[in-house]
Amino acid sequence: MEQKKQIRKRKDYLSWDEYFMSIAKLTAARSKDPNTQVGACIVSSDNRVLSCGYNGAPNHFNDDSFPWNREGEPLETKYMFVCHAEANAIDNFRGYKKEFEGARIYVDLFPCNECAKKIIQSGIQEVIYLSDKYSESDSTKASKILFDTCGVKYRQMDKKHQKEFKISLKPDTTIEYV
């Protein structure tokens, strides 16, 4: 009797965290912000993508006339106008908000206090982030107080899962790991 060669699965596939954070990072590439591009991906408890969002101008606000400045008078900067990635991901969802219960959100930056409130109100139960570069800001401190008080878990994505790879949109190409 001829023995069949057993084929084994690939070993270099993406973990769920890598996959969903990659979607968040790719979504960030839609941002028109010349300084900071942030993406968010909301995922159900059974690993289905529910919604994505990136930081940018509100609907119907012309990106070309949007004040993308970081410094200057408040009305001449982006801060009074920009919608954050997390808020956009929540607002872009077209299903039943009940689906957010037990969900996770993957984001580039640790959420500000305003986005933390939206995350809590939506029912999302876990935040996975890459960077906490504003950890000393009052906004981030308030976010952590809100999350801790309301039982929303948060964690920085494990360094061993922070891979780098190149995606080509050309046909018949594969992901290239760097």
Protein backbone atom coordinates (compact mmCIF):
# COMPACT_ATOMS: atom_id res chain seq x y z
CA MET A 1 0.00 0.00 0.00
CA GLU A 2 1.39 3.38 -1.04
CA GLN A 3 1.85 5.81 1.80
CA LYS A 4 0.50 9.31 1.15
CA LYS A 5 2.69 12.29 1.92
CA GLN A 6 1.03 14.40 4.59
CA ILE A 7 0.78 18.06 3.70
CA ARG A 8 1.17 20.44 6.61
CA LYS A 9 -0.36 23.88 6.91
CA ARG A 10 1.72 27.04 6.48
CA LYS A 11 3.49 28.26 9.59
CA ASP A 12 3.91 31.92 8.62
CA TYR A 13 0.22 32.88 8.50
CA LEU A 14 -1.05 35.89 10.45
CA SER A 15 -2.50 35.53 13.95
CA TRP A 16 -5.93 37.08 14.54
CA ASP A 17 -4.29 40.10 16.23
CA GLU A 18 -1.87 40.55 13.31
CA TYR A 19 -4.66 40.20 10.79
CA PHE A 20 -7.02 42.71 12.38
CA MET A 21 -4.27 45.21 13.23
CA SER A 22 -3.14 44.96 9.60
CA ILE A 23 -6.66 45.88 8.51
CA ALA A 24 -6.57 48.88 10.88
CA LYS A 25 -3.19 49.95 9.50
CA LEU A 26 -4.36 49.56 5.88
CA THR A 27 -7.51 51.56 6.71
CA ALA A 28 -5.27 54.34 8.11
CA ALA A 29 -3.82 54.74 4.63
CA ARG A 30 -7.16 56.35 3.61
CA SER A 31 -6.52 59.29 5.99
CA LYS A 32 -5.72 62.62 4.30
CA ASP A 33 -3.97 63.90 7.43
CA PRO A 34 -0.39 64.79 6.41
CA ASN A 35 0.98 64.15 9.92
CA THR A 36 -0.94 61.37 11.62
CA GLN A 37 -2.78 58.50 9.97
CA VAL A 38 -4.83 56.35 12.33
CA GLY A 39 -7.03 53.38 11.49
CA ALA A 40 -9.47 51.31 13.53
CA CYS A 41 -11.03 47.91 12.96
CA ILE A 42 -13.92 46.60 15.08
CA VAL A 43 -14.17 42.82 15.34
CA SER A 44 -16.93 40.65 16.81
CA SER A 45 -16.30 38.03 19.47
CA ASP A 46 -16.35 35.38 16.71
CA ASN A 47 -13.65 37.17 14.66
CA ARG A 48 -15.83 38.88 12.04
CA VAL A 49 -14.90 42.37 10.88
CA LEU A 50 -17.82 44.61 11.78
CA SER A 51 -16.55 48.04 10.76
CA CYS A 52 -13.47 50.14 9.99
CA GLY A 53 -12.66 53.82 10.20
CA TYR A 54 -9.82 56.30 9.86
CA ASN A 55 -9.15 59.83 11.07
CA GLY A 56 -10.46 62.46 8.71
CA ALA A 57 -12.94 65.13 7.85
CA PRO A 58 -16.63 64.63 8.59
CA ASN A 59 -18.92 63.60 5.73
CA HIS A 60 -19.60 66.46 3.30
CA PHE A 61 -16.66 68.53 4.60
CA ASN A 62 -14.35 69.08 1.65
CA ASP A 63 -10.92 67.52 2.37
CA ASP A 64 -9.28 70.19 0.21
CA SER A 65 -10.59 73.03 2.40
CA PHE A 66 -10.07 71.14 5.66
CA PRO A 67 -7.56 72.84 8.03
CA TRP A 68 -4.92 70.10 8.41
CA ASN A 69 -2.59 72.32 10.49
CA ARG A 70 -1.33 71.10 13.84
CA GLU A 71 -0.56 74.57 15.22
CA GLY A 72 -2.24 77.94 15.10
CA GLU A 73 -5.54 79.41 16.21
CA PRO A 74 -8.00 76.66 17.19
CA LEU A 75 -10.26 77.22 14.17
CA GLU A 76 -7.22 77.05 11.87
CA THR A 77 -6.16 73.59 13.09
CA LYS A 78 -7.54 70.11 12.51
CA TYR A 79 -8.34 69.45 16.17
CA MET A 80 -11.72 71.20 16.23
CA PHE A 81 -12.90 69.35 13.11
CA VAL A 82 -11.29 65.93 12.66
CA CYS A 83 -13.23 62.73 13.36
CA HIS A 84 -11.06 60.09 15.03
CA ALA A 85 -10.68 56.60 13.59
CA GLU A 86 -12.44 54.90 16.52
CA ALA A 87 -15.45 57.22 16.31
CA ASN A 88 -15.64 56.75 12.55
CA ALA A 89 -15.49 52.96 12.88
CA ILE A 90 -18.37 53.03 15.38
CA ASP A 91 -20.39 55.53 13.34
CA ASN A 92 -19.74 53.70 10.03
CA PHE A 93 -21.28 50.47 11.31
CA ARG A 94 -24.57 49.76 9.56
CA GLY A 95 -25.73 46.71 11.55
CA TYR A 96 -27.32 46.35 14.94
CA LYS A 97 -25.27 47.95 17.72
CA LYS A 98 -25.97 44.84 19.81
CA GLU A 99 -23.29 43.14 17.67
CA PHE A 100 -20.67 45.33 19.38
CA GLU A 101 -21.26 43.59 22.71
CA GLY A 102 -18.11 41.66 23.49
CA ALA A 103 -16.34 43.08 20.43
CA ARG A 104 -12.72 44.23 20.16
CA ILE A 105 -11.34 47.34 18.49
CA TYR A 106 -7.85 47.43 16.95
CA VAL A 107 -6.25 50.89 16.69
CA ASP A 108 -2.88 52.46 15.93
CA LEU A 109 -2.95 54.87 18.87
CA PHE A 110 -4.41 54.49 22.34
CA PRO A 111 -7.84 56.16 22.21
CA CYS A 112 -8.48 59.67 23.52
CA ASN A 113 -11.07 60.19 26.27
CA GLU A 114 -13.82 61.17 23.81
CA CYS A 115 -13.31 57.97 21.78
CA ALA A 116 -13.05 55.97 25.02
CA LYS A 117 -16.55 57.14 25.95
CA LYS A 118 -17.90 56.09 22.53
CA ILE A 119 -16.16 52.71 22.83
CA ILE A 120 -17.69 52.13 26.26
CA GLN A 121 -21.17 53.24 25.16
CA SER A 122 -21.03 50.97 22.09
CA GLY A 123 -20.43 47.80 24.14
CA ILE A 124 -16.93 47.09 22.83
CA GLN A 125 -15.10 45.14 25.55
CA GLU A 126 -11.44 45.24 24.52
CA VAL A 127 -9.03 47.74 22.94
CA ILE A 128 -5.86 46.46 21.24
CA TYR A 129 -3.44 49.22 20.29
CA LEU A 130 0.06 49.63 18.85
CA SER A 131 1.27 52.89 20.35
CA ASP A 132 0.63 54.74 23.59
CA LYS A 133 2.84 57.71 22.72
CA TYR A 134 0.49 60.15 24.47
CA SER A 135 0.35 58.12 27.70
CA GLU A 136 1.24 61.16 29.81
CA SER A 137 -1.56 63.32 28.39
CA ASP A 138 -4.64 64.02 30.50
CA SER A 139 -6.80 62.64 27.69
CA THR A 140 -5.09 59.23 27.74
CA LYS A 141 -5.07 59.13 31.55
CA ALA A 142 -8.82 59.85 31.50
CA SER A 143 -9.33 57.08 28.91
CA LYS A 144 -7.62 54.56 31.16
CA ILE A 145 -9.70 55.64 34.16
CA LEU A 146 -12.86 55.31 32.06
CA PHE A 147 -11.87 51.87 30.72
CA ASP A 148 -10.79 50.58 34.14
CA THR A 149 -13.97 51.81 35.83
CA CYS A 150 -16.25 50.45 33.11
CA GLY A 151 -14.52 47.08 32.69
CA VAL A 152 -13.14 47.59 29.18
CA LYS A 153 -9.87 45.69 28.80
CA TYR A 154 -6.97 47.23 26.91
CA ARG A 155 -3.61 45.89 25.88
CA GLN A 156 -0.76 46.80 23.66
CA MET A 157 -0.26 44.35 20.82
CA ASP A 158 2.44 41.87 21.75
CA LYS A 159 5.81 42.85 20.23
CA LYS A 160 6.28 39.32 18.84
CA HIS A 161 3.17 39.92 16.70
CA GLN A 162 4.36 43.26 15.35
CA LYS A 163 5.51 41.95 12.00
CA GLU A 164 6.43 43.88 8.92
CA PHE A 165 5.35 42.76 5.50
CA LYS A 166 4.77 44.12 2.03
CA ILE A 167 1.49 43.73 0.17
CA SER A 168 1.35 44.13 -3.57
CA LEU A 169 -1.88 44.86 -5.39
CA LYS A 170 -0.48 43.29 -8.53
CA PRO A 171 -2.08 40.00 -9.58
CA ASP A 172 -0.38 36.69 -8.75
CA THR A 173 1.81 38.12 -5.99
CA THR A 174 2.12 36.94 -2.40
CA ILE A 175 2.74 38.75 0.86
CA GLU A 176 6.43 39.41 1.36
CA TYR A 177 7.63 39.32 4.96
CA VAL A 178 10.42 41.78 5.75
